[in-house]
C-alpha atoms as a PDB file:
ATOM      1  CA  UNK A   1      91.877 122.759 115.394  1.00  0.00           C
ATOM      2  CA  UNK A   2      88.152 122.930 114.201  1.00  0.00           C
ATOM      3  CA  UNK A   3      86.573 119.393 113.495  1.00  0.00           C
ATOM      4  CA  UNK A   4      85.626 118.864 109.730  1.00  0.00           C
ATOM      5  CA  UNK A   5      84.056 116.621 107.844  1.00  0.00           C
ATOM      6  CA  UNK A   6      85.255 114.488 104.966  1.00  0.00           C
ATOM      7  CA  UNK A   7      83.961 111.975 101.955  1.00  0.00           C
ATOM      8  CA  UNK A   8      86.784 109.825 101.146  1.00  0.00           C
ATOM      9  CA  UNK A   9      86.237 108.397  97.699  1.00  0.00           C
ATOM     10  CA  UNK A  10      88.088 105.685  96.333  1.00  0.00           C
ATOM     11  CA  UNK A  11      88.350 101.798  95.165  1.00  0.00           C
ATOM     12  CA  UNK A  12      87.098 100.789  98.973  1.00  0.00           C
ATOM     13  CA  UNK A  13      85.256  97.967 100.004  1.00  0.00           C
ATOM     14  CA  UNK A  14      86.220  95.614  97.381  1.00  0.00           C
ATOM     15  CA  UNK A  15      88.824  94.141  99.867  1.00  0.00           C
ATOM     16  CA  UNK A  16      92.010  95.319  97.805  1.00  0.00           C
ATOM     17  CA  UNK A  17      94.947  94.945 100.248  1.00  0.00           C
ATOM     18  CA  UNK A  18      96.517  98.138  98.757  1.00  0.00           C
ATOM     19  CA  UNK A  19      93.484 100.490  98.545  1.00  0.00           C
ATOM     20  CA  UNK A  20      92.394  99.216 102.189  1.00  0.00           C
ATOM     21  CA  UNK A  21      95.856  99.985 103.021  1.00  0.00           C
ATOM     22  CA  UNK A  22      96.168 103.427 101.757  1.00  0.00           C
ATOM     23  CA  UNK A  23      92.444 103.902 103.343  1.00  0.00           C
ATOM     24  CA  UNK A  24      94.012 102.624 106.591  1.00  0.00           C
ATOM     25  CA  UNK A  25      96.497 105.401 106.618  1.00  0.00           C
ATOM     26  CA  UNK A  26      94.173 108.287 105.521  1.00  0.00           C
ATOM     27  CA  UNK A  27      91.627 107.424 108.090  1.00  0.00           C
ATOM     28  CA  UNK A  28      94.331 107.446 110.805  1.00  0.00           C
ATOM     29  CA  UNK A  29      95.795 110.830 109.804  1.00  0.00           C
ATOM     30  CA  UNK A  30      92.191 112.316 109.746  1.00  0.00           C
ATOM     31  CA  UNK A  31      90.922 110.727 113.355  1.00  0.00           C
ATOM     32  CA  UNK A  32      94.385 111.895 114.873  1.00  0.00           C
ATOM     33  CA  UNK A  33      92.490 115.583 114.687  1.00  0.00           C
ATOM     34  CA  UNK A  34      89.239 114.493 115.661  1.00  0.00           C
ATOM     35  CA  UNK A  35      87.533 115.087 112.202  1.00  0.00           C
ATOM     36  CA  UNK A  36      84.318 113.180 111.059  1.00  0.00           C
ATOM     37  CA  UNK A  37      84.607 110.782 108.165  1.00  0.00           C
ATOM     38  CA  UNK A  38      82.302 109.227 105.928  1.00  0.00           C
ATOM     39  CA  UNK A  39      83.680 106.446 103.336  1.00  0.00           C
ATOM     40  CA  UNK A  40      82.151 105.726  99.885  1.00  0.00           C
ATOM     41  CA  UNK A  41      82.267 101.655 100.072  1.00  0.00           C
ATOM     42  CA  UNK A  42      81.164  98.931  97.890  1.00  0.00           C
ATOM     43  CA  UNK A  43      80.695  96.903 100.880  1.00  0.00           C
ATOM     44  CA  UNK A  44      79.500  99.437 103.869  1.00  0.00           C
ATOM     45  CA  UNK A  45      79.105  96.619 106.685  1.00  0.00           C
ATOM     46  CA  UNK A  46      82.920  95.815 105.673  1.00  0.00           C
ATOM     47  CA  UNK A  47      84.358  99.215 105.889  1.00  0.00           C
ATOM     48  CA  UNK A  48      82.432 100.107 109.151  1.00  0.00           C
ATOM     49  CA  UNK A  49      83.397  96.850 110.608  1.00  0.00           C
ATOM     50  CA  UNK A  50      87.278  98.142 109.865  1.00  0.00           C
ATOM     51  CA  UNK A  51      87.482 101.671 111.659  1.00  0.00           C
ATOM     52  CA  UNK A  52      86.001 102.906 114.663  1.00  0.00           C
ATOM     53  CA  UNK A  53      83.491 105.947 114.630  1.00  0.00           C
ATOM     54  CA  UNK A  54      82.970 106.286 110.690  1.00  0.00           C
ATOM     55  CA  UNK A  55      80.170 106.293 108.419  1.00  0.00           C
ATOM     56  CA  UNK A  56      79.785 104.896 105.031  1.00  0.00           C
ATOM     57  CA  UNK A  57      77.522 104.963 102.021  1.00  0.00           C
ATOM     58  CA  UNK A  58      77.168 102.558  99.368  1.00  0.00           C
ATOM     59  CA  UNK A  59      79.068 102.904  96.160  1.00  0.00           C
ATOM     60  CA  UNK A  60      76.485 103.217  93.783  1.00  0.00           C
ATOM     61  CA  UNK A  61      73.879 104.835  95.879  1.00  0.00           C
ATOM     62  CA  UNK A  62      74.117 108.187  94.444  1.00  0.00           C
ATOM     63  CA  UNK A  63      71.332 109.983  96.413  1.00  0.00           C
ATOM     64  CA  UNK A  64      73.372 108.804  99.592  1.00  0.00           C
ATOM     65  CA  UNK A  65      76.497 110.241  98.304  1.00  0.00           C
ATOM     66  CA  UNK A  66      75.067 113.440  97.283  1.00  0.00           C
ATOM     67  CA  UNK A  67      73.625 113.767 100.821  1.00  0.00           C
ATOM     68  CA  UNK A  68      76.989 112.440 102.437  1.00  0.00           C
ATOM     69  CA  UNK A  69      79.055 115.232 100.629  1.00  0.00           C
ATOM     70  CA  UNK A  70      76.579 118.295 100.903  1.00  0.00           C
ATOM     71  CA  UNK A  71      76.927 117.670 104.566  1.00  0.00           C
ATOM     72  CA  UNK A  72      80.977 117.622 104.363  1.00  0.00           C
ATOM     73  CA  UNK A  73      83.887 120.173 104.254  1.00  0.00           C
ATOM     74  CA  UNK A  74      86.001 118.278 101.749  1.00  0.00           C
ATOM     75  CA  UNK A  75      86.130 115.658  99.084  1.00  0.00           C
ATOM     76  CA  UNK A  76      89.086 113.179  99.182  1.00  0.00           C
ATOM     77  CA  UNK A  77      89.775 111.458  96.133  1.00  0.00           C
ATOM     78  CA  UNK A  78      92.394 108.602  96.401  1.00  0.00           C
ATOM     79  CA  UNK A  79      95.053 106.909  96.648  1.00  0.00           C
ATOM     80  CA  UNK A  80      95.938 104.732  94.071  1.00  0.00           C
ATOM     81  CA  UNK A  81      95.176 104.934  90.316  1.00  0.00           C
ATOM     82  CA  UNK A  82      91.491 105.920  90.075  1.00  0.00           C
ATOM     83  CA  UNK A  83      91.866 108.182  87.343  1.00  0.00           C
ATOM     84  CA  UNK A  84      92.547 106.248  84.590  1.00  0.00           C
ATOM     85  CA  UNK A  85      90.666 104.251  81.496  1.00  0.00           C
ATOM     86  CA  UNK A  86      92.838 101.141  80.957  1.00  0.00           C
ATOM     87  CA  UNK A  87      90.441  99.625  83.848  1.00  0.00           C
ATOM     88  CA  UNK A  88      86.935 100.801  81.895  1.00  0.00           C
ATOM     89  CA  UNK A  89      85.985 104.473  80.519  1.00  0.00           C
ATOM     90  CA  UNK A  90      83.044 104.130  83.200  1.00  0.00           C
ATOM     91  CA  UNK A  91      85.168 103.610  85.978  1.00  0.00           C
ATOM     92  CA  UNK A  92      86.916 106.855  85.282  1.00  0.00           C
ATOM     93  CA  UNK A  93      83.777 108.578  84.462  1.00  0.00           C
ATOM     94  CA  UNK A  94      82.591 107.258  87.744  1.00  0.00           C
ATOM     95  CA  UNK A  95      85.264 108.727  89.928  1.00  0.00           C
ATOM     96  CA  UNK A  96      85.208 111.994  87.997  1.00  0.00           C
ATOM     97  CA  UNK A  97      81.402 112.002  88.623  1.00  0.00           C
ATOM     98  CA  UNK A  98      82.085 112.062  92.367  1.00  0.00           C
ATOM     99  CA  UNK A  99      84.537 114.949  92.136  1.00  0.00           C
ATOM    100  CA  UNK A 100      82.106 116.895  90.145  1.00  0.00           C
ATOM    101  CA  UNK A 101      79.027 116.611  92.402  1.00  0.00           C
ATOM    102  CA  UNK A 102      81.534 117.936  94.879  1.00  0.00           C
ATOM    103  CA  UNK A 103      82.624 120.645  93.069  1.00  0.00           C
ATOM    104  CA  UNK A 104      79.056 121.583  91.909  1.00  0.00           C
ATOM    105  CA  UNK A 105      78.080 121.688  95.961  1.00  0.00           C
ATOM    106  CA  UNK A 106      81.094 124.222  96.445  1.00  0.00           C
ATOM    107  CA  UNK A 107      83.164 121.878  98.492  1.00  0.00           C
ATOM    108  CA  UNK A 108      86.738 121.507  98.834  1.00  0.00           C
ATOM    109  CA  UNK A 109      88.429 118.600  96.641  1.00  0.00           C
ATOM    110  CA  UNK A 110      91.413 117.132  97.499  1.00  0.00           C
ATOM    111  CA  UNK A 111      93.285 114.311  94.858  1.00  0.00           C
ATOM    112  CA  UNK A 112      94.995 112.244  97.299  1.00  0.00           C
ATOM    113  CA  UNK A 113      98.682 110.567  96.286  1.00  0.00           C
ATOM    114  CA  UNK A 114      96.818 109.318  92.882  1.00  0.00           C
ATOM    115  CA  UNK A 115      98.603 107.962  89.871  1.00  0.00           C
ATOM    116  CA  UNK A 116      97.154 110.175  86.885  1.00  0.00           C
ATOM    117  CA  UNK A 117      96.715 107.893  83.677  1.00  0.00           C
ATOM    118  CA  UNK A 118      96.872 106.289  81.508  1.00  0.00           C
ATOM    119  CA  UNK A 119      93.710 107.845  80.074  1.00  0.00           C
ATOM    120  CA  UNK A 120      93.589 107.007  76.325  1.00  0.00           C
ATOM    121  CA  UNK A 121      90.077 108.071  75.714  1.00  0.00           C
ATOM    122  CA  UNK A 122      90.230 112.215  74.415  1.00  0.00           C
ATOM    123  CA  UNK A 123      86.925 112.922  76.189  1.00  0.00           C
ATOM    124  CA  UNK A 124      87.742 111.454  79.593  1.00  0.00           C
ATOM    125  CA  UNK A 125      91.223 113.352  79.368  1.00  0.00           C
ATOM    126  CA  UNK A 126      89.354 116.565  78.513  1.00  0.00           C
ATOM    127  CA  UNK A 127      87.221 115.735  81.506  1.00  0.00           C
ATOM    128  CA  UNK A 128      89.979 115.012  83.821  1.00  0.00           C
ATOM    129  CA  UNK A 129      91.926 118.045  83.049  1.00  0.00           C
ATOM    130  CA  UNK A 130      88.992 120.265  83.422  1.00  0.00           C
ATOM    131  CA  UNK A 131      87.627 118.829  86.645  1.00  0.00           C
ATOM    132  CA  UNK A 132      91.358 118.691  88.317  1.00  0.00           C
ATOM    133  CA  UNK A 133      91.902 122.280  87.543  1.00  0.00           C
ATOM    134  CA  UNK A 134      89.016 123.255  90.262  1.00  0.00           C
ATOM    135  CA  UNK A 135      90.584 120.997  93.017  1.00  0.00           C
ATOM    136  CA  UNK A 136      91.776 122.377  95.763  1.00  0.00           C
ATOM    137  CA  UNK A 137      94.895 120.456  96.210  1.00  0.00           C
ATOM    138  CA  UNK A 138      96.503 117.544  94.496  1.00  0.00           C
ATOM    139  CA  UNK A 139      99.392 115.158  95.074  1.00  0.00           C
ATOM    140  CA  UNK A 140     100.288 112.309  92.790  1.00  0.00           C
ATOM    141  CA  UNK A 141     102.753 109.585  93.297  1.00  0.00           C
ATOM    142  CA  UNK A 142     105.203 109.411  90.302  1.00  0.00           C
ATOM    143  CA  UNK A 143     106.769 111.906  87.924  1.00  0.00           C
ATOM    144  CA  UNK A 144     104.563 111.007  84.958  1.00  0.00           C
ATOM    145  CA  UNK A 145     101.507 112.309  86.635  1.00  0.00           C
ATOM    146  CA  UNK A 146     102.857 115.173  87.833  1.00  0.00           C
ATOM    147  CA  UNK A 147     104.010 116.148  83.966  1.00  0.00           C
ATOM    148  CA  UNK A 148     100.760 115.032  82.692  1.00  0.00           C
ATOM    149  CA  UNK A 149      99.063 117.840  84.787  1.00  0.00           C
ATOM    150  CA  UNK A 150     101.334 120.238  84.949  1.00  0.00           C
ATOM    151  CA  UNK A 151     101.252 119.968  80.808  1.00  0.00           C
ATOM    152  CA  UNK A 152      97.771 121.100  81.443  1.00  0.00           C
ATOM    153  CA  UNK A 153      98.406 123.910  83.663  1.00  0.00           C
ATOM    154  CA  UNK A 154      97.528 122.078  87.099  1.00  0.00           C
ATOM    155  CA  UNK A 155      99.740 122.215  90.064  1.00  0.00           C
ATOM    156  CA  UNK A 156     100.245 118.912  91.710  1.00  0.00           C
ATOM    157  CA  UNK A 157     102.771 117.637  94.740  1.00  0.00           C
ATOM    158  CA  UNK A 158     105.016 114.865  94.301  1.00  0.00           C
ATOM    159  CA  UNK A 159     104.415 112.354  97.091  1.00  0.00           C
ATOM    160  CA  UNK A 160     105.520 108.890  97.712  1.00  0.00           C
ATOM    161  CA  UNK A 161     102.902 106.116  98.220  1.00  0.00           C
ATOM    162  CA  UNK A 162     101.149 106.561 101.746  1.00  0.00           C
ATOM    163  CA  UNK A 163     101.571 102.827 102.651  1.00  0.00           C
ATOM    164  CA  UNK A 164     105.419 103.462 102.679  1.00  0.00           C
ATOM    165  CA  UNK A 165     104.297 105.359 106.140  1.00  0.00           C
ATOM    166  CA  UNK A 166     103.300 102.277 107.752  1.00  0.00           C
ATOM    167  CA  UNK A 167     104.666 101.221 110.644  1.00  0.00           C
ATOM    168  CA  UNK A 168     105.989  97.566 110.345  1.00  0.00           C
ATOM    169  CA  UNK A 169     107.941  94.849 112.704  1.00  0.00           C
ATOM    170  CA  UNK A 170     110.499  93.298 110.830  1.00  0.00           C
ATOM    171  CA  UNK A 171     110.891  89.751 112.787  1.00  0.00           C
ATOM    172  CA  UNK A 172     113.298  86.586 112.098  1.00  0.00           C
ATOM    173  CA  UNK A 173     112.836  85.549 108.668  1.00  0.00           C
ATOM    174  CA  UNK A 174     112.043  81.873 107.827  1.00  0.00           C
ATOM    175  CA  UNK A 175     112.865  79.772 105.045  1.00  0.00           C
ATOM    176  CA  UNK A 176     109.558  80.638 102.898  1.00  0.00           C
ATOM    177  CA  UNK A 177     109.248  82.301  99.903  1.00  0.00           C
ATOM    178  CA  UNK A 178     106.104  84.502  99.727  1.00  0.00           C
ATOM    179  CA  UNK A 179     104.375  84.495  96.009  1.00  0.00           C
ATOM    180  CA  UNK A 180     101.571  87.103  95.332  1.00  0.00           C
ATOM    181  CA  UNK A 181      99.877  86.789  91.617  1.00  0.00           C
ATOM    182  CA  UNK A 182      96.945  88.565  90.466  1.00  0.00           C
ATOM    183  CA  UNK A 183      94.852  87.498  87.069  1.00  0.00           C
ATOM    184  CA  UNK A 184      95.179  90.284  84.231  1.00  0.00           C
ATOM    185  CA  UNK A 185      95.026  90.132  80.288  1.00  0.00           C
ATOM    186  CA  UNK A 186      98.422  88.750  80.031  1.00  0.00           C
ATOM    187  CA  UNK A 187      98.457  86.235  82.914  1.00  0.00           C
ATOM    188  CA  UNK A 188      98.628  82.641  81.294  1.00  0.00           C
ATOM    189  CA  UNK A 189      98.767  79.082  81.843  1.00  0.00           C
ATOM    190  CA  UNK A 190     102.621  78.960  80.395  1.00  0.00           C
ATOM    191  CA  UNK A 191     103.570  81.863  82.736  1.00  0.00           C
ATOM    192  CA  UNK A 192     102.171  79.682  85.709  1.00  0.00           C
ATOM    193  CA  UNK A 193     103.950  76.636  84.556  1.00  0.00           C
ATOM    194  CA  UNK A 194     107.426  78.220  83.860  1.00  0.00           C
ATOM    195  CA  UNK A 195     107.101  79.956  87.283  1.00  0.00           C
ATOM    196  CA  UNK A 196     106.379  76.718  88.968  1.00  0.00           C
ATOM    197  CA  UNK A 197     108.922  74.966  87.437  1.00  0.00           C
ATOM    198  CA  UNK A 198     111.425  77.679  88.413  1.00  0.00           C
ATOM    199  CA  UNK A 199     110.342  77.798  92.083  1.00  0.00           C
ATOM    200  CA  UNK A 200     110.401  74.078  92.588  1.00  0.00           C
ATOM    201  CA  UNK A 201     114.217  74.083  91.137  1.00  0.00           C
ATOM    202  CA  UNK A 202     115.190  77.358  92.962  1.00  0.00           C
ATOM    203  CA  UNK A 203     113.321  77.039  96.285  1.00  0.00           C
ATOM    204  CA  UNK A 204     112.473  73.053  96.756  1.00  0.00           C
ATOM    205  CA  UNK A 205     113.648  73.094 100.186  1.00  0.00           C
ATOM    206  CA  UNK A 206     111.535  76.114 101.284  1.00  0.00           C
ATOM    207  CA  UNK A 207     107.887  76.679 102.348  1.00  0.00           C
ATOM    208  CA  UNK A 208     105.807  78.516  99.832  1.00  0.00           C
ATOM    209  CA  UNK A 209     103.256  81.064 100.967  1.00  0.00           C
ATOM    210  CA  UNK A 210     100.881  82.277  98.370  1.00  0.00           C
ATOM    211  CA  UNK A 211      98.931  85.646  99.156  1.00  0.00           C
ATOM    212  CA  UNK A 212      95.585  86.340  97.402  1.00  0.00           C
ATOM    213  CA  UNK A 213      95.759  90.337  97.966  1.00  0.00           C
ATOM    214  CA  UNK A 214      92.190  90.406  96.337  1.00  0.00           C
ATOM    215  CA  UNK A 215      89.790  87.393  96.425  1.00  0.00           C
ATOM    216  CA  UNK A 216      88.025  88.277  92.991  1.00  0.00           C
ATOM    217  CA  UNK A 217      91.353  88.568  91.310  1.00  0.00           C
ATOM    218  CA  UNK A 218      93.801  86.770  92.862  1.00  0.00           C
ATOM    219  CA  UNK A 219      92.468  83.519  94.330  1.00  0.00           C
ATOM    220  CA  UNK A 220      91.945  81.364  91.106  1.00  0.00           C
ATOM    221  CA  UNK A 221      95.238  82.023  89.957  1.00  0.00           C
ATOM    222  CA  UNK A 222      96.876  81.529  92.939  1.00  0.00           C
ATOM    223  CA  UNK A 223      95.099  78.163  93.113  1.00  0.00           C
ATOM    224  CA  UNK A 224      96.187  77.068  89.319  1.00  0.00           C
ATOM    225  CA  UNK A 225     100.134  78.213  90.285  1.00  0.00           C
ATOM    226  CA  UNK A 226      99.667  76.184  93.642  1.00  0.00           C
ATOM    227  CA  UNK A 227      98.376  73.268  91.625  1.00  0.00           C
ATOM    228  CA  UNK A 228     101.154  73.643  88.867  1.00  0.00           C
ATOM    229  CA  UNK A 229     103.425  73.335  91.825  1.00  0.00           C
ATOM    230  CA  UNK A 230     102.388  70.496  93.438  1.00  0.00           C
ATOM    231  CA  UNK A 231     102.284  68.507  90.086  1.00  0.00           C
ATOM    232  CA  UNK A 232     106.034  69.219  89.792  1.00  0.00           C
ATOM    233  CA  UNK A 233     107.010  68.355  93.473  1.00  0.00           C
ATOM    234  CA  UNK A 234     104.143  66.935  95.437  1.00  0.00           C
ATOM    235  CA  UNK A 235     106.284  67.209  98.757  1.00  0.00           C
ATOM    236  CA  UNK A 236     106.640  70.906  98.324  1.00  0.00           C
ATOM    237  CA  UNK A 237     104.812  72.859 101.344  1.00  0.00           C
ATOM    238  CA  UNK A 238     102.824  75.474 100.322  1.00  0.00           C
ATOM    239  CA  UNK A 239      99.892  77.196 102.302  1.00  0.00           C
ATOM    240  CA  UNK A 240      97.549  79.893 100.419  1.00  0.00           C
ATOM    241  CA  UNK A 241      96.912  82.635 103.065  1.00  0.00           C
ATOM    242  CA  UNK A 242      93.044  83.106 102.245  1.00  0.00           C
ATOM    243  CA  UNK A 243      90.744  85.465 104.572  1.00  0.00           C
ATOM    244  CA  UNK A 244      93.208  86.802 106.630  1.00  0.00           C
ATOM    245  CA  UNK A 245      93.314  90.524 107.881  1.00  0.00           C
ATOM    246  CA  UNK A 246      95.686  93.178 105.927  1.00  0.00           C
ATOM    247  CA  UNK A 247      98.028  93.459 109.194  1.00  0.00           C
ATOM    248  CA  UNK A 248      97.858  89.464 109.510  1.00  0.00           C
ATOM    249  CA  UNK A 249      99.193  89.403 105.519  1.00  0.00           C
ATOM    250  CA  UNK A 250     102.180  92.010 106.501  1.00  0.00           C
ATOM    251  CA  UNK A 251     102.978  90.160 109.630  1.00  0.00           C
ATOM    252  CA  UNK A 252     103.273  86.909 107.185  1.00  0.00           C
ATOM    253  CA  UNK A 253     105.212  88.471 104.375  1.00  0.00           C
ATOM    254  CA  UNK A 254     107.703  90.048 106.846  1.00  0.00           C
ATOM    255  CA  UNK A 255     108.622  86.451 108.030  1.00  0.00           C
ATOM    256  CA  UNK A 256     109.510  85.225 104.562  1.00  0.00           C
ATOM    257  CA  UNK A 257     113.215  85.424 103.198  1.00  0.00           C
ATOM    258  CA  UNK A 258     112.074  86.037  99.625  1.00  0.00           C
ATOM    259  CA  UNK A 259     108.949  87.997  97.759  1.00  0.00           C
ATOM    260  CA  UNK A 260     107.669  87.332  94.121  1.00  0.00           C
ATOM    261  CA  UNK A 261     105.148  89.775  93.755  1.00  0.00           C
ATOM    262  CA  UNK A 262     102.766  91.229  90.970  1.00  0.00           C
ATOM    263  CA  UNK A 263     100.968  93.934  92.767  1.00  0.00           C
ATOM    264  CA  UNK A 264     102.592  97.191  93.591  1.00  0.00           C
ATOM    265  CA  UNK A 265     101.471  97.535  97.182  1.00  0.00           C
ATOM    266  CA  UNK A 266     102.843  93.821  97.646  1.00  0.00           C
ATOM    267  CA  UNK A 267     106.004  95.185  96.459  1.00  0.00           C
ATOM    268  CA  UNK A 268     106.079  98.111  99.125  1.00  0.00           C
ATOM    269  CA  UNK A 269     105.294  95.478 101.947  1.00  0.00           C
ATOM    270  CA  UNK A 270     108.379  93.684 100.897  1.00  0.00           C
ATOM    271  CA  UNK A 271     110.167  96.836 100.737  1.00  0.00           C
ATOM    272  CA  UNK A 272     108.953  97.763 104.053  1.00  0.00           C
ATOM    273  CA  UNK A 273     109.834  94.401 105.786  1.00  0.00           C
ATOM    274  CA  UNK A 274     113.318  93.983 104.222  1.00  0.00           C
ATOM    275  CA  UNK A 275     112.554  90.825 101.909  1.00  0.00           C
ATOM    276  CA  UNK A 276     114.329  90.157  99.038  1.00  0.00           C
ATOM    277  CA  UNK A 277     111.806  91.266  96.283  1.00  0.00           C
ATOM    278  CA  UNK A 278     111.356  90.045  92.646  1.00  0.00           C
ATOM    279  CA  UNK A 279     108.755  92.224  90.675  1.00  0.00           C
ATOM    280  CA  UNK A 280     106.407  90.795  87.790  1.00  0.00           C
ATOM    281  CA  UNK A 281     105.925  93.071  85.194  1.00  0.00           C
ATOM    282  CA  UNK A 282     102.484  93.468  84.187  1.00  0.00           C
ATOM    283  CA  UNK A 283     101.866  97.434  84.536  1.00  0.00           C
ATOM    284  CA  UNK A 284     104.043 100.735  83.847  1.00  0.00           C
ATOM    285  CA  UNK A 285     103.924 101.508  87.802  1.00  0.00           C
ATOM    286  CA  UNK A 286     105.576  97.911  88.479  1.00  0.00           C
ATOM    287  CA  UNK A 287     108.456  99.181  86.000  1.00  0.00           C
ATOM    288  CA  UNK A 288     108.942 102.460  88.058  1.00  0.00           C
ATOM    289  CA  UNK A 289     109.246 100.995  91.525  1.00  0.00           C
ATOM    290  CA  UNK A 290     111.254  97.866  90.606  1.00  0.00           C
ATOM    291  CA  UNK A 291     113.511 100.835  88.690  1.00  0.00           C
ATOM    292  CA  UNK A 292     113.526 102.956  91.605  1.00  0.00           C
ATOM    293  CA  UNK A 293     114.815 100.368  94.032  1.00  0.00           C
ATOM    294  CA  UNK A 294     117.061  98.076  91.555  1.00  0.00           C
ATOM    295  CA  UNK A 295     114.981  95.241  92.259  1.00  0.00           C
ATOM    296  CA  UNK A 296     115.290  92.255  89.452  1.00  0.00           C
ATOM    297  CA  UNK A 297     112.304  91.934  87.326  1.00  0.00           C
ATOM    298  CA  UNK A 298     110.674  89.301  85.443  1.00  0.00           C
ATOM    299  CA  UNK A 299     107.823  89.566  82.478  1.00  0.00           C
ATOM    300  CA  UNK A 300     104.799  87.608  81.810  1.00  0.00           C
ATOM    301  CA  UNK A 301     106.169  86.890  78.210  1.00  0.00           C
ATOM    302  CA  UNK A 302     109.588  85.960  77.802  1.00  0.00           C
ATOM    303  CA  UNK A 303     112.579  84.066  79.896  1.00  0.00           C
ATOM    304  CA  UNK A 304     113.247  84.616  83.069  1.00  0.00           C
ATOM    305  CA  UNK A 305     117.364  84.877  82.374  1.00  0.00           C
ATOM    306  CA  UNK A 306     118.986  85.450  85.753  1.00  0.00           C
ATOM    307  CA  UNK A 307     116.885  87.217  87.287  1.00  0.00           C
ATOM    308  CA  UNK A 308     116.445  84.719  90.502  1.00  0.00           C
ATOM    309  CA  UNK A 309     120.107  84.690  90.957  1.00  0.00           C
ATOM    310  CA  UNK A 310     119.809  88.721  91.203  1.00  0.00           C
ATOM    311  CA  UNK A 311     116.986  87.914  93.818  1.00  0.00           C
ATOM    312  CA  UNK A 312     119.433  85.802  95.938  1.00  0.00           C
ATOM    313  CA  UNK A 313     121.979  88.382  95.750  1.00  0.00           C
ATOM    314  CA  UNK A 314     120.005  91.212  96.817  1.00  0.00           C
ATOM    315  CA  UNK A 315     121.697  93.888  98.474  1.00  0.00           C
ATOM    316  CA  UNK A 316     119.099  94.369 101.374  1.00  0.00           C
ATOM    317  CA  UNK A 317     121.362  97.333 103.173  1.00  0.00           C
ATOM    318  CA  UNK A 318     121.237  99.226  99.960  1.00  0.00           C
ATOM    319  CA  UNK A 319     117.229  99.017  99.498  1.00  0.00           C
ATOM    320  CA  UNK A 320     116.896  99.720 103.472  1.00  0.00           C
ATOM    321  CA  UNK A 321     118.680 103.005 103.122  1.00  0.00           C
ATOM    322  CA  UNK A 322     116.507 103.975 100.203  1.00  0.00           C
ATOM    323  CA  UNK A 323     113.363 102.963 102.050  1.00  0.00           C
ATOM    324  CA  UNK A 324     114.334 105.245 104.807  1.00  0.00           C
ATOM    325  CA  UNK A 325     113.923 108.076 102.468  1.00  0.00           C
ATOM    326  CA  UNK A 326     110.357 107.204 101.343  1.00  0.00           C
ATOM    327  CA  UNK A 327     108.727 109.498 104.225  1.00  0.00           C
ATOM    328  CA  UNK A 328     105.152 110.451 103.363  1.00  0.00           C
ATOM    329  CA  UNK A 329     104.942 114.147 103.450  1.00  0.00           C
ATOM    330  CA  UNK A 330     101.760 115.391 105.125  1.00  0.00           C
ATOM    331  CA  UNK A 331     102.706 119.147 105.492  1.00  0.00           C
ATOM    332  CA  UNK A 332     101.009 120.664 102.560  1.00  0.00           C
ATOM    333  CA  UNK A 333      98.282 118.223 103.105  1.00  0.00           C
ATOM    334  CA  UNK A 334      97.487 119.568 106.659  1.00  0.00           C
ATOM    335  CA  UNK A 335      97.976 122.699 105.753  1.00  0.00           C
ATOM    336  CA  UNK A 336      94.801 122.540 103.005  1.00  0.00           C
ATOM    337  CA  UNK A 337      92.762 120.771 105.860  1.00  0.00           C
ATOM    338  CA  UNK A 338      93.179 122.857 108.677  1.00  0.00           C
ATOM    339  CA  UNK A 339      92.704 126.056 106.482  1.00  0.00           C
END
């Protein structure tokens, strides 16, 4: 097989667990075949330290990005939710801009396991559809994204999230509850207090592990939750797992009996590690994965109802069987890069 050059574009270097996990899966796949890789990253030193034999260019140094793409055979954009304007229109334009540069330089572009949308801007939607029509291969991780593209006459393959292909060990479970929170527009003190009260009542004799998945967004709300819990029950044992590697996060969650999580990839880790999981709904992707695996789900506003009892009654055998069906299909991806 001829060795090729790839540039990878995504939300890399921000130390977000989910995006870094996707990147690890993708790098491992490409390096299996000896391909050369350059990663566009907001923290090039961090990215270079994570992987052997890769190069990295800074997210906002356009001249270096152009140089890297000009020497490449392929640009891979993804995974995650890059092509959306819920974060900001600037973010959407940035990732489309990288795709535009690659197309102008006549490089093959792969859209990798992305969730497309929401795109509320008509201009943003027009640009997205226009550029994606010229991409070599597109895979998406949900049916809504596939329908959005197919309505525009763009062919896309439906795949599961690549993190499902991660190999994890499932150790003996400890009497521990893992909590994973993130900041968002609807996160508020009332929810933190109500969740802390519920945890202190339902799991007073458990240890509580709190997992920030992205330092900038998760740490402050994690500390607020810990403080709220300690005020209710000073004797409860809590640990915030800061400054540990992605692999260590997976190992620690795998030991827990229960997981209460907001982030999409935290929920996937719960599923992979056979941990009873309750989802906190802040985004449509959380609703989708909770529905797919029949997980209990609570909202940031409103009563918890009987969801914690549902959590305790989770049928892990059924969920485990469903997880086994979520094998990432590399066949068409490999056909494209080996062409």
